[in-house]
Amino acid sequence: MTRLIFLGPPGAGKGTQAQILASALKVPHISTGEILRTAVADKTELGTQAQAFMERGELVPDPLVLDLIQERLVQSDVKPGWILDGFPRNLLQAIELNRVLHEIRQAFERVINLHVPDDAIIVRLLARGRKDDDELIIRRRLEVYREQTAPLIDFYQPQLVTIDGNRAMEEVTTSLRHLIVAT
């Protein structure tokens, strides 16, 4: 059984690597964005609540996101494991995620931190050509990451493995596969 949490700054390749690994391991790749979109599309009670925040351009509050995560983690397709991408984003979310996992009697095996230097991230994100990816916005997103998400590296230290994400995608994937096989 494989249960992993992916951390790393925006543009580090978390989503890409989580999808590749999840497909190879035949476990769900769970991202908060996917959970929110699915809950809204399915018109679940939690999805309807989340939609109200999203339509106003507001962040969905942590308690609601946690309820959605918990709802997702008890579905039948997660029995063989899961890869969590994009959550937790801050220390409070990590503490609450631990509580939720304890309640539903699940535990993660590892936290994988994809490390990529800021300069490389800026180059990557600018190359995507999205209008919300100008250099000032990217630098601000990296600041927010350092303020809110980077403290999770210390929080998860006993289970944390840092992977050099500043390599070709295939090399990073190979490192991740070796890590999982060794687990």
C-alpha atoms as a PDB file:
ATOM      1  CA  MET A   1       0.000   0.000   0.000  1.00  0.00           C
ATOM      2  CA  THR A   2       1.344   3.387  -0.980  1.00  0.00           C
ATOM      3  CA  ARG A   3       0.222   6.618   0.676  1.00  0.00           C
ATOM      4  CA  LEU A   4       2.295   9.677  -0.140  1.00  0.00           C
ATOM      5  CA  ILE A   5       2.088  13.421   0.390  1.00  0.00           C
ATOM      6  CA  PHE A   6       3.807  15.617  -2.194  1.00  0.00           C
ATOM      7  CA  LEU A   7       5.288  18.977  -1.179  1.00  0.00           C
ATOM      8  CA  GLY A   8       7.182  21.555  -3.155  1.00  0.00           C
ATOM      9  CA  PRO A   9       6.914  25.063  -4.506  1.00  0.00           C
ATOM     10  CA  PRO A  10       4.647  25.966  -7.408  1.00  0.00           C
ATOM     11  CA  GLY A  11       6.252  24.793 -10.629  1.00  0.00           C
ATOM     12  CA  ALA A  12       8.329  22.051  -8.965  1.00  0.00           C
ATOM     13  CA  GLY A  13       6.459  19.343 -10.881  1.00  0.00           C
ATOM     14  CA  LYS A  14       4.385  17.936  -8.017  1.00  0.00           C
ATOM     15  CA  GLY A  15       1.253  17.407 -10.076  1.00  0.00           C
ATOM     16  CA  THR A  16       3.071  15.907 -13.040  1.00  0.00           C
ATOM     17  CA  GLN A  17       5.135  13.521 -10.932  1.00  0.00           C
ATOM     18  CA  ALA A  18       2.167  12.589  -8.719  1.00  0.00           C
ATOM     19  CA  GLN A  19       0.105  11.702 -11.815  1.00  0.00           C
ATOM     20  CA  ILE A  20       2.907   9.591 -13.322  1.00  0.00           C
ATOM     21  CA  LEU A  21       3.548   7.763 -10.054  1.00  0.00           C
ATOM     22  CA  ALA A  22      -0.135   7.262  -9.280  1.00  0.00           C
ATOM     23  CA  SER A  23      -0.681   5.748 -12.706  1.00  0.00           C
ATOM     24  CA  ALA A  24       2.294   3.414 -12.308  1.00  0.00           C
ATOM     25  CA  LEU A  25       1.192   2.346  -8.816  1.00  0.00           C
ATOM     26  CA  LYS A  26      -2.500   2.158  -9.755  1.00  0.00           C
ATOM     27  CA  VAL A  27      -3.547   4.431  -6.889  1.00  0.00           C
ATOM     28  CA  PRO A  28      -5.537   7.669  -7.072  1.00  0.00           C
ATOM     29  CA  HIS A  29      -3.752  10.978  -7.504  1.00  0.00           C
ATOM     30  CA  ILE A  30      -5.716  13.239  -5.185  1.00  0.00           C
ATOM     31  CA  SER A  31      -5.436  16.971  -5.628  1.00  0.00           C
ATOM     32  CA  THR A  32      -7.515  19.516  -3.792  1.00  0.00           C
ATOM     33  CA  GLY A  33      -8.404  21.162  -7.093  1.00  0.00           C
ATOM     34  CA  GLU A  34      -9.726  17.859  -8.439  1.00  0.00           C
ATOM     35  CA  ILE A  35     -11.666  17.189  -5.241  1.00  0.00           C
ATOM     36  CA  LEU A  36     -13.278  20.631  -5.345  1.00  0.00           C
ATOM     37  CA  ARG A  37     -14.183  20.389  -9.039  1.00  0.00           C
ATOM     38  CA  THR A  38     -15.641  16.898  -8.623  1.00  0.00           C
ATOM     39  CA  ALA A  39     -17.661  17.816  -5.524  1.00  0.00           C
ATOM     40  CA  VAL A  40     -19.070  20.892  -7.287  1.00  0.00           C
ATOM     41  CA  ALA A  41     -19.854  18.938 -10.478  1.00  0.00           C
ATOM     42  CA  ASP A  42     -21.510  16.144  -8.470  1.00  0.00           C
ATOM     43  CA  LYS A  43     -23.491  18.752  -6.530  1.00  0.00           C
ATOM     44  CA  THR A  44     -22.630  17.144  -3.209  1.00  0.00           C
ATOM     45  CA  GLU A  45     -23.527  19.051  -0.048  1.00  0.00           C
ATOM     46  CA  LEU A  46     -19.864  19.927   0.534  1.00  0.00           C
ATOM     47  CA  GLY A  47     -19.448  20.771  -3.161  1.00  0.00           C
ATOM     48  CA  THR A  48     -22.340  23.220  -3.009  1.00  0.00           C
ATOM     49  CA  GLN A  49     -20.794  24.903   0.030  1.00  0.00           C
ATOM     50  CA  ALA A  50     -17.394  25.094  -1.684  1.00  0.00           C
ATOM     51  CA  GLN A  51     -18.913  26.450  -4.897  1.00  0.00           C
ATOM     52  CA  ALA A  52     -20.277  29.479  -3.056  1.00  0.00           C
ATOM     53  CA  PHE A  53     -16.754  30.459  -1.966  1.00  0.00           C
ATOM     54  CA  MET A  54     -15.244  29.695  -5.360  1.00  0.00           C
ATOM     55  CA  GLU A  55     -17.828  31.796  -7.207  1.00  0.00           C
ATOM     56  CA  ARG A  56     -16.910  34.762  -5.013  1.00  0.00           C
ATOM     57  CA  GLY A  57     -13.236  34.215  -5.837  1.00  0.00           C
ATOM     58  CA  GLU A  58     -12.472  33.307  -2.225  1.00  0.00           C
ATOM     59  CA  LEU A  59     -10.366  30.455  -0.910  1.00  0.00           C
ATOM     60  CA  VAL A  60     -12.411  27.541   0.324  1.00  0.00           C
ATOM     61  CA  PRO A  61     -11.994  27.523   4.139  1.00  0.00           C
ATOM     62  CA  ASP A  62      -9.716  24.880   5.661  1.00  0.00           C
ATOM     63  CA  PRO A  63     -12.472  23.035   7.586  1.00  0.00           C
ATOM     64  CA  LEU A  64     -14.467  22.572   4.385  1.00  0.00           C
ATOM     65  CA  VAL A  65     -11.400  21.418   2.426  1.00  0.00           C
ATOM     66  CA  LEU A  66     -10.599  18.955   5.232  1.00  0.00           C
ATOM     67  CA  ASP A  67     -14.139  17.580   5.106  1.00  0.00           C
ATOM     68  CA  LEU A  68     -13.770  17.134   1.340  1.00  0.00           C
ATOM     69  CA  ILE A  69     -10.387  15.407   1.776  1.00  0.00           C
ATOM     70  CA  GLN A  70     -11.842  13.095   4.407  1.00  0.00           C
ATOM     71  CA  GLU A  71     -14.825  12.320   2.190  1.00  0.00           C
ATOM     72  CA  ARG A  72     -12.422  11.454  -0.656  1.00  0.00           C
ATOM     73  CA  LEU A  73     -10.076   9.329   1.464  1.00  0.00           C
ATOM     74  CA  VAL A  74     -12.832   6.942   2.559  1.00  0.00           C
ATOM     75  CA  GLN A  75     -13.957   6.091  -0.971  1.00  0.00           C
ATOM     76  CA  SER A  76     -13.351   2.526  -2.137  1.00  0.00           C
ATOM     77  CA  ASP A  77     -10.760   3.322  -4.818  1.00  0.00           C
ATOM     78  CA  VAL A  78      -8.259   4.557  -2.209  1.00  0.00           C
ATOM     79  CA  LYS A  79      -7.967   1.197  -0.442  1.00  0.00           C
ATOM     80  CA  PRO A  80      -4.719   0.316  -2.301  1.00  0.00           C
ATOM     81  CA  GLY A  81      -3.289   3.754  -1.462  1.00  0.00           C
ATOM     82  CA  TRP A  82      -3.191   7.352  -2.636  1.00  0.00           C
ATOM     83  CA  ILE A  83      -0.957  10.261  -3.519  1.00  0.00           C
ATOM     84  CA  LEU A  84      -1.985  13.588  -2.039  1.00  0.00           C
ATOM     85  CA  ASP A  85      -0.908  16.623  -4.046  1.00  0.00           C
ATOM     86  CA  GLY A  86      -1.527  20.246  -3.100  1.00  0.00           C
ATOM     87  CA  PHE A  87      -2.605  19.542   0.441  1.00  0.00           C
ATOM     88  CA  PRO A  88      -1.668  20.312   3.122  1.00  0.00           C
ATOM     89  CA  ARG A  89      -0.513  23.836   2.306  1.00  0.00           C
ATOM     90  CA  ASN A  90       0.150  25.071   5.827  1.00  0.00           C
ATOM     91  CA  LEU A  91       0.892  23.829   9.333  1.00  0.00           C
ATOM     92  CA  LEU A  92      -2.710  23.961  10.552  1.00  0.00           C
ATOM     93  CA  GLN A  93      -3.845  21.892   7.573  1.00  0.00           C
ATOM     94  CA  ALA A  94      -1.077  19.356   8.259  1.00  0.00           C
ATOM     95  CA  ILE A  95      -2.105  19.011  11.899  1.00  0.00           C
ATOM     96  CA  GLU A  96      -5.749  18.604  10.908  1.00  0.00           C
ATOM     97  CA  LEU A  97      -4.844  16.125   8.160  1.00  0.00           C
ATOM     98  CA  ASN A  98      -3.028  14.012  10.744  1.00  0.00           C
ATOM     99  CA  ARG A  99      -6.167  14.092  12.896  1.00  0.00           C
ATOM    100  CA  VAL A 100      -8.372  13.063   9.956  1.00  0.00           C
ATOM    101  CA  LEU A 101      -6.010  10.252   8.965  1.00  0.00           C
ATOM    102  CA  HIS A 102      -5.992   8.986  12.548  1.00  0.00           C
ATOM    103  CA  GLU A 103      -9.816   9.054  12.645  1.00  0.00           C
ATOM    104  CA  ILE A 104     -10.151   7.056   9.431  1.00  0.00           C
ATOM    105  CA  ARG A 105      -7.295   4.743  10.426  1.00  0.00           C
ATOM    106  CA  GLN A 106      -4.978   5.590   7.577  1.00  0.00           C
ATOM    107  CA  ALA A 107      -1.364   6.648   7.715  1.00  0.00           C
ATOM    108  CA  PHE A 108       0.934   8.034   5.066  1.00  0.00           C
ATOM    109  CA  GLU A 109       4.254   6.375   4.390  1.00  0.00           C
ATOM    110  CA  ARG A 110       6.322   9.277   3.171  1.00  0.00           C
ATOM    111  CA  VAL A 111       6.266  12.962   2.443  1.00  0.00           C
ATOM    112  CA  ILE A 112       8.108  13.750  -0.762  1.00  0.00           C
ATOM    113  CA  ASN A 113       9.514  17.237  -1.100  1.00  0.00           C
ATOM    114  CA  LEU A 114      10.437  18.194  -4.649  1.00  0.00           C
ATOM    115  CA  HIS A 115      13.209  20.756  -4.314  1.00  0.00           C
ATOM    116  CA  VAL A 116      13.747  23.181  -7.187  1.00  0.00           C
ATOM    117  CA  PRO A 117      15.641  26.497  -6.841  1.00  0.00           C
ATOM    118  CA  ASP A 118      13.581  29.671  -7.290  1.00  0.00           C
ATOM    119  CA  ASP A 119      15.440  30.734 -10.456  1.00  0.00           C
ATOM    120  CA  ALA A 120      14.638  27.422 -12.152  1.00  0.00           C
ATOM    121  CA  ILE A 121      10.980  27.677 -11.100  1.00  0.00           C
ATOM    122  CA  ILE A 122      10.716  31.178 -12.524  1.00  0.00           C
ATOM    123  CA  VAL A 123      12.139  29.975 -15.848  1.00  0.00           C
ATOM    124  CA  ARG A 124       9.758  26.976 -15.881  1.00  0.00           C
ATOM    125  CA  LEU A 125       6.662  28.977 -15.074  1.00  0.00           C
ATOM    126  CA  LEU A 126       7.468  31.789 -17.496  1.00  0.00           C
ATOM    127  CA  ALA A 127       7.928  29.159 -20.235  1.00  0.00           C
ATOM    128  CA  ARG A 128       4.343  27.959 -19.715  1.00  0.00           C
ATOM    129  CA  GLY A 129       3.150  31.269 -21.120  1.00  0.00           C
ATOM    130  CA  ARG A 130       0.115  31.655 -18.883  1.00  0.00           C
ATOM    131  CA  LYS A 131      -1.021  35.218 -18.336  1.00  0.00           C
ATOM    132  CA  ASP A 132      -1.027  34.739 -14.532  1.00  0.00           C
ATOM    133  CA  ASP A 133       2.603  33.618 -14.690  1.00  0.00           C
ATOM    134  CA  ASP A 134       4.497  36.893 -14.926  1.00  0.00           C
ATOM    135  CA  GLU A 135       7.702  37.161 -12.921  1.00  0.00           C
ATOM    136  CA  LEU A 136       6.306  39.379 -10.130  1.00  0.00           C
ATOM    137  CA  ILE A 137       3.360  37.054  -9.558  1.00  0.00           C
ATOM    138  CA  ILE A 138       5.631  34.006  -9.600  1.00  0.00           C
ATOM    139  CA  ARG A 139       7.975  35.606  -7.059  1.00  0.00           C
ATOM    140  CA  ARG A 140       4.991  36.416  -4.827  1.00  0.00           C
ATOM    141  CA  ARG A 141       3.727  32.827  -5.077  1.00  0.00           C
ATOM    142  CA  LEU A 142       7.173  31.628  -4.030  1.00  0.00           C
ATOM    143  CA  GLU A 143       7.135  34.008  -1.048  1.00  0.00           C
ATOM    144  CA  VAL A 144       3.728  32.674  -0.002  1.00  0.00           C
ATOM    145  CA  TYR A 145       5.062  29.140  -0.372  1.00  0.00           C
ATOM    146  CA  ARG A 146       8.059  29.911   1.865  1.00  0.00           C
ATOM    147  CA  GLU A 147       5.835  31.581   4.469  1.00  0.00           C
ATOM    148  CA  GLN A 148       3.013  29.031   4.568  1.00  0.00           C
ATOM    149  CA  THR A 149       4.101  25.708   3.093  1.00  0.00           C
ATOM    150  CA  ALA A 150       7.860  25.462   3.637  1.00  0.00           C
ATOM    151  CA  PRO A 151       7.393  25.040   7.443  1.00  0.00           C
ATOM    152  CA  LEU A 152       5.849  21.647   6.629  1.00  0.00           C
ATOM    153  CA  ILE A 153       9.321  20.413   5.719  1.00  0.00           C
ATOM    154  CA  ASP A 154      10.289  20.618   9.404  1.00  0.00           C
ATOM    155  CA  PHE A 155       6.888  19.322  10.567  1.00  0.00           C
ATOM    156  CA  TYR A 156       7.175  16.186   8.436  1.00  0.00           C
ATOM    157  CA  GLN A 157      10.926  15.701   8.965  1.00  0.00           C
ATOM    158  CA  PRO A 158      10.794  12.105  10.250  1.00  0.00           C
ATOM    159  CA  GLN A 159       8.862  10.943   7.147  1.00  0.00           C
ATOM    160  CA  LEU A 160      10.341  13.463   4.681  1.00  0.00           C
ATOM    161  CA  VAL A 161      12.432  12.602   1.654  1.00  0.00           C
ATOM    162  CA  THR A 162      13.720  15.445  -0.503  1.00  0.00           C
ATOM    163  CA  ILE A 163      14.122  14.763  -4.200  1.00  0.00           C
ATOM    164  CA  ASP A 164      16.065  17.035  -6.543  1.00  0.00           C
ATOM    165  CA  GLY A 165      13.318  18.229  -8.875  1.00  0.00           C
ATOM    166  CA  ASN A 166      15.683  20.385 -10.923  1.00  0.00           C
ATOM    167  CA  ARG A 167      16.401  17.633 -13.424  1.00  0.00           C
ATOM    168  CA  ALA A 168      14.767  16.203 -16.511  1.00  0.00           C
ATOM    169  CA  MET A 169      11.256  14.948 -15.778  1.00  0.00           C
ATOM    170  CA  GLU A 170      12.270  11.341 -16.517  1.00  0.00           C
ATOM    171  CA  GLU A 171      15.175  11.517 -14.056  1.00  0.00           C
ATOM    172  CA  VAL A 172      12.888  12.787 -11.294  1.00  0.00           C
ATOM    173  CA  THR A 173      10.380  10.030 -12.083  1.00  0.00           C
ATOM    174  CA  THR A 174      13.154   7.420 -11.898  1.00  0.00           C
ATOM    175  CA  SER A 175      14.270   8.746  -8.494  1.00  0.00           C
ATOM    176  CA  LEU A 176      10.696   8.589  -7.216  1.00  0.00           C
ATOM    177  CA  ARG A 177      10.217   5.036  -8.472  1.00  0.00           C
ATOM    178  CA  HIS A 178      13.456   3.934  -6.766  1.00  0.00           C
ATOM    179  CA  LEU A 179      12.282   5.570  -3.550  1.00  0.00           C
ATOM    180  CA  ILE A 180       8.930   3.766  -3.643  1.00  0.00           C
ATOM    181  CA  VAL A 181      10.527   0.399  -4.394  1.00  0.00           C
ATOM    182  CA  ALA A 182      12.891   0.909  -1.438  1.00  0.00           C
ATOM    183  CA  THR A 183       9.977   1.699   0.892  1.00  0.00           C
END
